[in-house]
Amino acid sequence: MAATSEQGTGGTRQAVRSDGGLLLFRVAGVPVLLAPSWWVGSLIVVVLYAPLVGRLLPEASATTSWLLAGAFALLLGLSVLAHELGHCLVALRLGIPVRRLRLFLLGGLSEVARTPKRPGDEGLVAAAGPAVSLLLGGFCGLLMFAVPPDGAVWLLVAECAVANLAVGVFNLLPGLPLDGGRLVRAGVWAVTGIRAKGTRAAVAGGAVVAAGLLVWALWGLATASPDRWLRLGVCVVTAWFVILGARSELAAEARRTWPEGLVLGELVRPVLQLPAESPVSDALAASAGRGVVLVRADGVAAGLLDEGAAERLASTSPHAPAEFAAEPIRAETVLLASEPGEDVVERVRETAAWQFLVVDDEGRPAGVLRRDDLRAALNRRTR
């Protein structure tokens, strides 16, 4: 399994390592992580695949069977990695930031930090992974003709071909969170102009894919297929992954969609400008229900008052300048009051900040939008 996912930005190297797994290396600045569940998935593959090796190579010893099963698990992991690198590099090429790439239980995930702006971009990123997998599978398939058949080396090459073809073909199934589902979403989005409609269509496809996997697994049991236990284990885990992923995609779409009738001005807190040298205790008292812009004597904004930092500073040094508790105003934390709602949601989601300065078309402060206020409003409208 492999897929792309949309996540917010932010996080240090240590945070990435702790919540995502072991940092293996970086590609174009994107961390590649190995989640602890990858070892569990690989162990399942080895245990279920080793008996099949004995049937494919009757002369192989038990040790050889286990080694070849381990090699298959490793090749499957490398196949997923190549697949995800395809997603990652195309996304970066299109200017879409990628937070990280993770390998986990029988699959992988490229976490993009921003939703593609156009259906064509979504389609290109989605198609890149399966294209890499199918090309690698085809290459290994041709290589099989150059290797003496019926030996361990031939079986390893065949394993590599099967692993890549399986990853490529499976991910083209038309349901989220698989790449085929993203292609469905891109197509419906391009036709209707509404991304949410594409998401709903692809989520329905994900339900069909999960049901199909379970039916195939049960069919293997009913017909006593030689690979029935391997098929059952992989299909159950994969169906579970598809169902959870589809639900997550549907919830993410609801969070990014600006509800009809919601006005940004309803969420923005009034803005108050104070001298940056004001005592932090006074600035904190004045901030109740408002956003505070701290301005230096030369007229340059020092930043927005960070209430958490201000409370900590006021507890020890109540007369310290409020500027010491200011959150810098950056280009990405400034919103136009006239921006479309979807763009506001996207900006807030992808920017590591808890409050944003809203300005009018002439650049004058119109208020402060807090992340929690926006999240609460979106949750109320989507219930």
Protein backbone atom coordinates (compact mmCIF):
# COMPACT_ATOMS: atom_id res chain seq x y z
CA MET A 1 0.00 0.00 0.00
CA ALA A 2 1.12 3.53 -0.63
CA ALA A 3 -0.56 6.88 -0.65
CA THR A 4 -0.19 10.59 -0.26
CA SER A 5 -1.66 12.59 2.57
CA GLU A 6 -2.14 16.25 3.37
CA GLN A 7 -0.72 17.50 6.65
CA GLY A 8 0.09 20.75 8.32
CA THR A 9 3.60 22.11 8.42
CA GLY A 10 5.81 22.64 11.41
CA GLY A 11 7.82 20.39 13.73
CA THR A 12 11.47 20.01 14.57
CA ARG A 13 13.82 17.21 13.62
CA GLN A 14 13.32 15.67 17.07
CA ALA A 15 9.53 15.89 16.80
CA VAL A 16 9.60 14.23 13.38
CA ARG A 17 11.74 11.43 14.72
CA SER A 18 9.60 10.84 17.81
CA ASP A 19 6.13 10.82 16.26
CA GLY A 20 6.98 9.31 12.88
CA GLY A 21 9.62 6.66 13.54
CA LEU A 22 13.31 6.20 12.81
CA LEU A 23 14.86 8.82 10.54
CA LEU A 24 16.61 6.94 7.71
CA PHE A 25 17.76 9.80 5.47
CA ARG A 26 16.50 12.93 3.72
CA VAL A 27 15.60 13.48 0.08
CA ALA A 28 15.60 17.13 -1.07
CA GLY A 29 15.23 18.06 2.59
CA VAL A 30 12.27 15.71 3.16
CA PRO A 31 12.81 13.25 6.04
CA VAL A 32 12.27 9.57 5.23
CA LEU A 33 11.04 7.72 8.32
CA LEU A 34 10.65 4.06 9.21
CA ALA A 35 7.68 3.60 11.55
CA PRO A 36 7.85 0.85 14.21
CA SER A 37 4.86 -0.88 12.58
CA TRP A 38 6.98 -1.55 9.48
CA TRP A 39 8.84 -4.25 11.40
CA VAL A 40 5.53 -5.84 12.40
CA GLY A 41 4.31 -5.85 8.81
CA SER A 42 7.58 -7.29 7.54
CA LEU A 43 7.47 -10.05 10.15
CA ILE A 44 3.94 -10.96 9.04
CA VAL A 45 5.09 -11.13 5.41
CA VAL A 46 8.08 -13.33 6.30
CA VAL A 47 6.03 -15.77 8.39
CA LEU A 48 3.30 -16.11 5.77
CA TYR A 49 5.57 -16.13 2.72
CA ALA A 50 8.24 -18.62 3.89
CA PRO A 51 6.00 -21.70 3.34
CA LEU A 52 5.30 -20.53 -0.22
CA VAL A 53 9.04 -20.46 -0.97
CA GLY A 54 9.20 -24.15 -0.10
CA ARG A 55 6.55 -24.84 -2.74
CA LEU A 56 8.22 -22.66 -5.38
CA LEU A 57 11.69 -24.09 -4.68
CA PRO A 58 11.19 -27.65 -3.38
CA GLU A 59 14.95 -28.17 -3.08
CA ALA A 60 15.40 -25.11 -0.84
CA SER A 61 16.31 -25.71 2.79
CA ALA A 62 14.32 -24.19 5.65
CA THR A 63 17.06 -21.60 6.15
CA THR A 64 16.97 -20.62 2.47
CA SER A 65 13.19 -20.35 2.58
CA TRP A 66 13.31 -17.98 5.54
CA LEU A 67 16.09 -15.91 3.96
CA LEU A 68 14.18 -15.58 0.69
CA ALA A 69 11.03 -14.63 2.61
CA GLY A 70 13.02 -11.96 4.44
CA ALA A 71 14.39 -10.73 1.11
CA PHE A 72 10.84 -10.48 -0.22
CA ALA A 73 9.78 -8.37 2.77
CA LEU A 74 12.77 -6.08 2.23
CA LEU A 75 12.09 -5.80 -1.51
CA LEU A 76 8.47 -4.96 -0.75
CA GLY A 77 9.65 -2.17 1.54
CA LEU A 78 12.05 -0.84 -1.08
CA SER A 79 9.27 -0.99 -3.69
CA VAL A 80 7.01 1.11 -1.47
CA LEU A 81 9.89 3.52 -0.85
CA ALA A 82 10.47 3.96 -4.61
CA HIS A 83 6.74 4.49 -5.08
CA GLU A 84 6.60 7.18 -2.39
CA LEU A 85 9.71 8.90 -3.73
CA GLY A 86 7.86 9.23 -7.04
CA HIS A 87 5.04 11.09 -5.26
CA CYS A 88 7.47 13.17 -3.23
CA LEU A 89 9.69 14.36 -6.07
CA VAL A 90 6.80 15.25 -8.38
CA ALA A 91 5.08 17.18 -5.57
CA LEU A 92 8.26 19.15 -4.90
CA ARG A 93 8.66 19.78 -8.63
CA LEU A 94 5.16 21.30 -8.68
CA GLY A 95 5.99 23.53 -5.73
CA ILE A 96 3.96 21.50 -3.23
CA PRO A 97 5.91 21.14 0.04
CA VAL A 98 6.25 17.65 1.51
CA ARG A 99 6.45 17.35 5.26
CA ARG A 100 7.81 13.81 5.43
CA LEU A 101 7.76 10.34 3.88
CA ARG A 102 6.87 7.41 6.14
CA LEU A 103 7.12 3.65 5.68
CA PHE A 104 4.80 1.72 8.00
CA LEU A 105 2.82 -1.50 8.31
CA LEU A 106 2.68 -2.94 4.76
CA GLY A 107 2.65 0.53 3.21
CA GLY A 108 3.91 4.08 2.97
CA LEU A 109 2.72 7.67 3.05
CA SER A 110 3.96 10.95 1.56
CA GLU A 111 2.59 13.76 3.71
CA VAL A 112 2.20 16.87 1.59
CA ALA A 113 1.87 20.11 3.55
CA ARG A 114 -0.50 21.83 1.14
CA THR A 115 -3.49 20.76 -0.90
CA PRO A 116 -2.82 20.90 -4.68
CA LYS A 117 -4.43 24.03 -6.10
CA ARG A 118 -5.42 22.42 -9.40
CA PRO A 119 -6.88 19.01 -10.26
CA GLY A 120 -4.08 18.52 -12.78
CA ASP A 121 -1.48 18.82 -10.01
CA GLU A 122 -3.39 16.34 -7.86
CA GLY A 123 -3.49 13.90 -10.77
CA LEU A 124 0.22 14.23 -11.55
CA VAL A 125 1.28 13.65 -7.94
CA ALA A 126 -1.08 10.68 -7.62
CA ALA A 127 0.05 9.06 -10.89
CA ALA A 128 3.77 9.42 -10.15
CA GLY A 129 3.92 6.64 -7.57
CA PRO A 130 2.21 3.90 -9.59
CA ALA A 131 4.22 4.94 -12.67
CA VAL A 132 7.49 4.34 -10.78
CA SER A 133 6.25 1.01 -9.43
CA LEU A 134 5.06 -0.27 -12.82
CA LEU A 135 8.29 0.78 -14.53
CA LEU A 136 10.40 -1.00 -11.89
CA GLY A 137 8.14 -4.05 -12.10
CA GLY A 138 8.46 -4.13 -15.89
CA PHE A 139 12.25 -3.80 -15.70
CA CYS A 140 12.52 -6.68 -13.22
CA GLY A 141 10.16 -8.73 -15.36
CA LEU A 142 12.49 -8.31 -18.34
CA LEU A 143 15.47 -9.09 -16.12
CA MET A 144 13.94 -12.48 -15.32
CA PHE A 145 14.70 -13.57 -18.89
CA ALA A 146 18.40 -12.83 -18.35
CA VAL A 147 18.69 -14.93 -15.18
CA PRO A 148 18.82 -18.75 -15.10
CA PRO A 149 15.32 -19.94 -14.15
CA ASP A 150 14.30 -22.02 -11.15
CA GLY A 151 17.07 -20.73 -8.87
CA ALA A 152 17.19 -18.49 -5.81
CA VAL A 153 18.44 -15.49 -7.83
CA TRP A 154 15.64 -15.89 -10.36
CA LEU A 155 13.13 -16.06 -7.51
CA LEU A 156 14.52 -12.85 -5.98
CA VAL A 157 14.18 -11.04 -9.30
CA ALA A 158 10.66 -12.44 -9.68
CA GLU A 159 9.87 -11.27 -6.14
CA CYS A 160 11.04 -7.77 -7.01
CA ALA A 161 8.90 -7.75 -10.15
CA VAL A 162 5.85 -9.01 -8.29
CA ALA A 163 6.35 -6.57 -5.41
CA ASN A 164 6.54 -3.53 -7.67
CA LEU A 165 3.72 -4.63 -9.96
CA ALA A 166 1.54 -5.40 -6.94
CA VAL A 167 2.24 -1.99 -5.38
CA GLY A 168 1.59 -0.23 -8.69
CA VAL A 169 -1.58 -2.07 -9.66
CA PHE A 170 -3.09 -2.06 -6.18
CA ASN A 171 -2.59 1.67 -5.79
CA LEU A 172 -4.46 2.29 -9.03
CA LEU A 173 -7.66 0.90 -7.51
CA PRO A 174 -10.23 3.73 -7.63
CA GLY A 175 -10.73 4.54 -3.97
CA LEU A 176 -9.22 6.85 -1.38
CA PRO A 177 -6.70 6.88 0.21
CA LEU A 178 -5.10 5.01 -2.70
CA ASP A 179 -3.61 6.82 -5.67
CA GLY A 180 -6.40 5.59 -7.93
CA GLY A 181 -8.83 7.33 -5.61
CA ARG A 182 -6.87 10.55 -5.93
CA LEU A 183 -7.03 10.20 -9.70
CA VAL A 184 -10.81 9.76 -9.39
CA ARG A 185 -10.97 12.87 -7.21
CA ALA A 186 -8.86 14.84 -9.69
CA GLY A 187 -11.13 13.78 -12.56
CA VAL A 188 -14.39 14.64 -10.78
CA TRP A 189 -12.83 17.88 -9.53
CA ALA A 190 -11.79 18.82 -13.08
CA VAL A 191 -15.27 18.10 -14.46
CA THR A 192 -17.34 19.72 -11.70
CA GLY A 193 -14.92 22.35 -10.43
CA ILE A 194 -15.65 21.20 -6.85
CA ARG A 195 -12.97 19.24 -5.03
CA ALA A 196 -15.35 18.04 -2.31
CA LYS A 197 -17.46 16.18 -4.88
CA GLY A 198 -14.35 14.37 -6.08
CA THR A 199 -13.49 13.42 -2.51
CA ARG A 200 -16.94 11.97 -1.87
CA ALA A 201 -16.81 9.94 -5.08
CA ALA A 202 -13.35 8.59 -4.25
CA VAL A 203 -14.36 7.76 -0.65
CA ALA A 204 -17.24 5.68 -2.04
CA GLY A 205 -14.68 3.95 -4.25
CA GLY A 206 -12.59 3.23 -1.15
CA ALA A 207 -15.53 1.42 0.45
CA VAL A 208 -15.90 -0.73 -2.67
CA VAL A 209 -12.17 -1.52 -2.67
CA ALA A 210 -12.22 -2.56 1.01
CA ALA A 211 -15.23 -4.82 0.43
CA GLY A 212 -13.58 -6.36 -2.63
CA LEU A 213 -10.43 -7.16 -0.64
CA LEU A 214 -12.40 -8.96 2.05
CA VAL A 215 -14.38 -10.94 -0.53
CA TRP A 216 -11.15 -11.99 -2.26
CA ALA A 217 -9.66 -13.12 1.06
CA LEU A 218 -12.76 -15.17 1.91
CA TRP A 219 -12.74 -16.69 -1.57
CA GLY A 220 -9.18 -17.85 -0.97
CA LEU A 221 -10.26 -19.58 2.23
CA ALA A 222 -13.30 -21.15 0.59
CA THR A 223 -11.26 -22.58 -2.30
CA ALA A 224 -8.29 -23.61 -0.11
CA SER A 225 -5.93 -21.46 -2.19
CA PRO A 226 -2.23 -22.18 -1.43
CA ASP A 227 -1.70 -18.54 -0.48
CA ARG A 228 -4.94 -18.25 1.50
CA TRP A 229 -3.36 -17.30 4.83
CA LEU A 230 -1.01 -14.76 3.27
CA ARG A 231 -3.94 -13.38 1.29
CA LEU A 232 -6.16 -13.21 4.39
CA GLY A 233 -3.55 -11.38 6.47
CA VAL A 234 -2.67 -8.85 3.78
CA CYS A 235 -6.28 -8.24 2.74
CA VAL A 236 -7.62 -7.69 6.25
CA VAL A 237 -4.85 -5.25 7.14
CA THR A 238 -5.17 -3.49 3.79
CA ALA A 239 -8.97 -3.20 4.01
CA TRP A 240 -8.58 -1.73 7.49
CA PHE A 241 -6.05 0.78 6.12
CA VAL A 242 -8.36 1.75 3.25
CA ILE A 243 -11.39 2.24 5.50
CA LEU A 244 -9.51 4.38 8.02
CA GLY A 245 -7.81 6.34 5.25
CA ALA A 246 -11.09 7.04 3.44
CA ARG A 247 -12.70 8.27 6.65
CA SER A 248 -9.71 10.49 7.32
CA GLU A 249 -9.86 11.96 3.82
CA LEU A 250 -13.57 12.72 4.22
CA ALA A 251 -12.97 14.44 7.56
CA ALA A 252 -10.03 16.43 6.14
CA GLU A 253 -12.19 17.59 3.23
CA ALA A 254 -14.86 18.76 5.66
CA ARG A 255 -12.26 20.70 7.65
CA ARG A 256 -10.87 22.51 4.61
CA THR A 257 -14.24 23.36 3.05
CA TRP A 258 -15.52 26.82 3.95
CA PRO A 259 -19.13 26.41 5.11
CA GLU A 260 -21.76 28.32 3.16
CA GLY A 261 -22.91 31.42 5.03
CA LEU A 262 -19.84 31.68 7.27
CA VAL A 263 -18.23 35.12 7.14
CA LEU A 264 -14.59 35.67 8.09
CA GLY A 265 -15.51 38.87 9.88
CA GLU A 266 -17.58 36.83 12.34
CA LEU A 267 -14.45 34.99 13.51
CA VAL A 268 -11.98 37.88 13.62
CA ARG A 269 -11.24 39.45 16.98
CA PRO A 270 -10.97 43.25 17.22
CA VAL A 271 -7.41 44.50 16.94
CA LEU A 272 -5.75 46.83 19.46
CA GLN A 273 -2.44 48.56 18.80
CA LEU A 274 -0.16 49.16 21.80
CA PRO A 275 3.39 50.49 22.12
CA ALA A 276 5.90 47.64 22.14
CA GLU A 277 7.44 49.00 25.35
CA SER A 278 4.14 48.75 27.27
CA PRO A 279 4.38 46.69 30.49
CA VAL A 280 3.50 43.12 29.65
CA SER A 281 0.95 42.99 32.48
CA ASP A 282 -0.93 45.96 30.99
CA ALA A 283 -0.84 44.50 27.50
CA LEU A 284 -2.14 41.20 28.84
CA ALA A 285 -5.03 42.91 30.63
CA ALA A 286 -5.93 44.82 27.45
CA SER A 287 -5.88 41.67 25.31
CA ALA A 288 -9.08 40.15 26.74
CA GLY A 289 -11.14 39.14 23.72
CA ARG A 290 -8.90 41.10 21.35
CA GLY A 291 -5.76 40.71 19.30
CA VAL A 292 -2.89 43.03 20.25
CA VAL A 293 -0.43 44.43 17.72
CA LEU A 294 2.70 45.75 19.40
CA VAL A 295 4.21 48.73 17.58
CA ARG A 296 7.71 50.12 18.14
CA ALA A 297 8.43 53.85 18.40
CA ASP A 298 9.49 53.94 14.73
CA GLY A 299 6.06 52.69 13.67
CA VAL A 300 7.24 49.17 12.78
CA ALA A 301 5.13 46.33 14.16
CA ALA A 302 7.08 44.21 16.64
CA GLY A 303 4.52 41.42 16.42
CA LEU A 304 1.30 40.06 17.88
CA LEU A 305 1.09 39.57 21.62
CA ASP A 306 1.42 35.90 22.48
CA GLU A 307 -0.88 35.51 25.47
CA GLY A 308 0.77 32.33 26.71
CA ALA A 309 4.24 33.88 26.63
CA ALA A 310 2.84 37.10 28.13
CA GLU A 311 1.30 35.24 31.07
CA ARG A 312 4.57 33.47 31.80
CA LEU A 313 6.55 36.72 31.56
CA ALA A 314 4.04 38.68 33.64
CA SER A 315 4.22 36.11 36.43
CA THR A 316 7.89 36.89 36.96
CA SER A 317 8.43 40.36 35.43
CA PRO A 318 5.11 42.22 35.12
CA HIS A 319 6.81 45.48 34.06
CA ALA A 320 8.93 43.93 31.30
CA PRO A 321 8.27 45.31 27.78
CA ALA A 322 5.41 43.50 26.08
CA GLU A 323 7.65 43.14 23.01
CA PHE A 324 9.45 40.34 24.84
CA ALA A 325 6.24 38.30 24.53
CA ALA A 326 5.54 39.15 20.89
CA GLU A 327 4.99 36.60 18.11
CA PRO A 328 6.60 37.94 14.89
CA ILE A 329 4.29 38.91 12.05
CA ARG A 330 5.41 36.97 8.99
CA ALA A 331 4.13 37.11 5.43
CA GLU A 332 2.43 33.73 5.85
CA THR A 333 0.60 34.89 9.01
CA VAL A 334 -1.05 37.86 7.29
CA LEU A 335 -4.48 37.25 5.74
CA LEU A 336 -6.52 39.49 3.46
CA ALA A 337 -10.06 40.11 4.66
CA SER A 338 -11.19 39.61 1.06
CA GLU A 339 -9.48 36.22 0.60
CA PRO A 340 -11.76 33.28 -0.33
CA GLY A 341 -12.67 31.16 2.66
CA GLU A 342 -11.00 28.02 1.29
CA ASP A 343 -7.73 29.93 0.92
CA VAL A 344 -7.97 31.12 4.51
CA VAL A 345 -8.51 27.56 5.75
CA GLU A 346 -5.60 26.32 3.64
CA ARG A 347 -3.24 29.03 4.88
CA VAL A 348 -4.11 28.47 8.52
CA ARG A 349 -3.79 24.70 8.12
CA GLU A 350 -0.34 24.81 6.55
CA THR A 351 1.20 27.57 8.70
CA ALA A 352 2.72 26.88 12.12
CA ALA A 353 1.10 29.77 14.00
CA TRP A 354 -1.81 30.10 16.41
CA GLN A 355 -2.96 33.59 15.39
CA PHE A 356 -3.05 35.56 12.14
CA LEU A 357 -3.26 39.27 11.40
CA VAL A 358 -6.16 40.09 9.07
CA VAL A 359 -5.74 43.26 6.97
CA ASP A 360 -8.01 45.04 4.53
CA ASP A 361 -7.18 45.60 0.86
CA GLU A 362 -5.18 48.71 1.77
CA GLY A 363 -3.05 46.84 4.29
CA ARG A 364 -4.66 48.26 7.43
CA PRO A 365 -5.18 45.89 10.39
CA ALA A 366 -8.79 44.67 10.47
CA GLY A 367 -8.53 42.10 13.23
CA VAL A 368 -6.82 38.95 14.46
CA LEU A 369 -7.91 35.41 13.57
CA ARG A 370 -7.01 32.67 16.01
CA ARG A 371 -6.59 29.09 14.88
CA ASP A 372 -8.83 27.74 17.65
CA ASP A 373 -11.65 30.12 16.72
CA LEU A 374 -11.54 28.98 13.10
CA ARG A 375 -11.40 25.30 14.05
CA ALA A 376 -14.37 25.66 16.40
CA ALA A 377 -16.42 27.45 13.73
CA LEU A 378 -15.66 24.80 11.10
CA ASN A 379 -16.50 21.99 13.51
CA ARG A 380 -19.85 23.59 14.37
CA ARG A 381 -20.77 24.00 10.70
CA THR A 382 -19.78 20.43 9.73
CA ARG A 383 -21.66 18.58 12.46
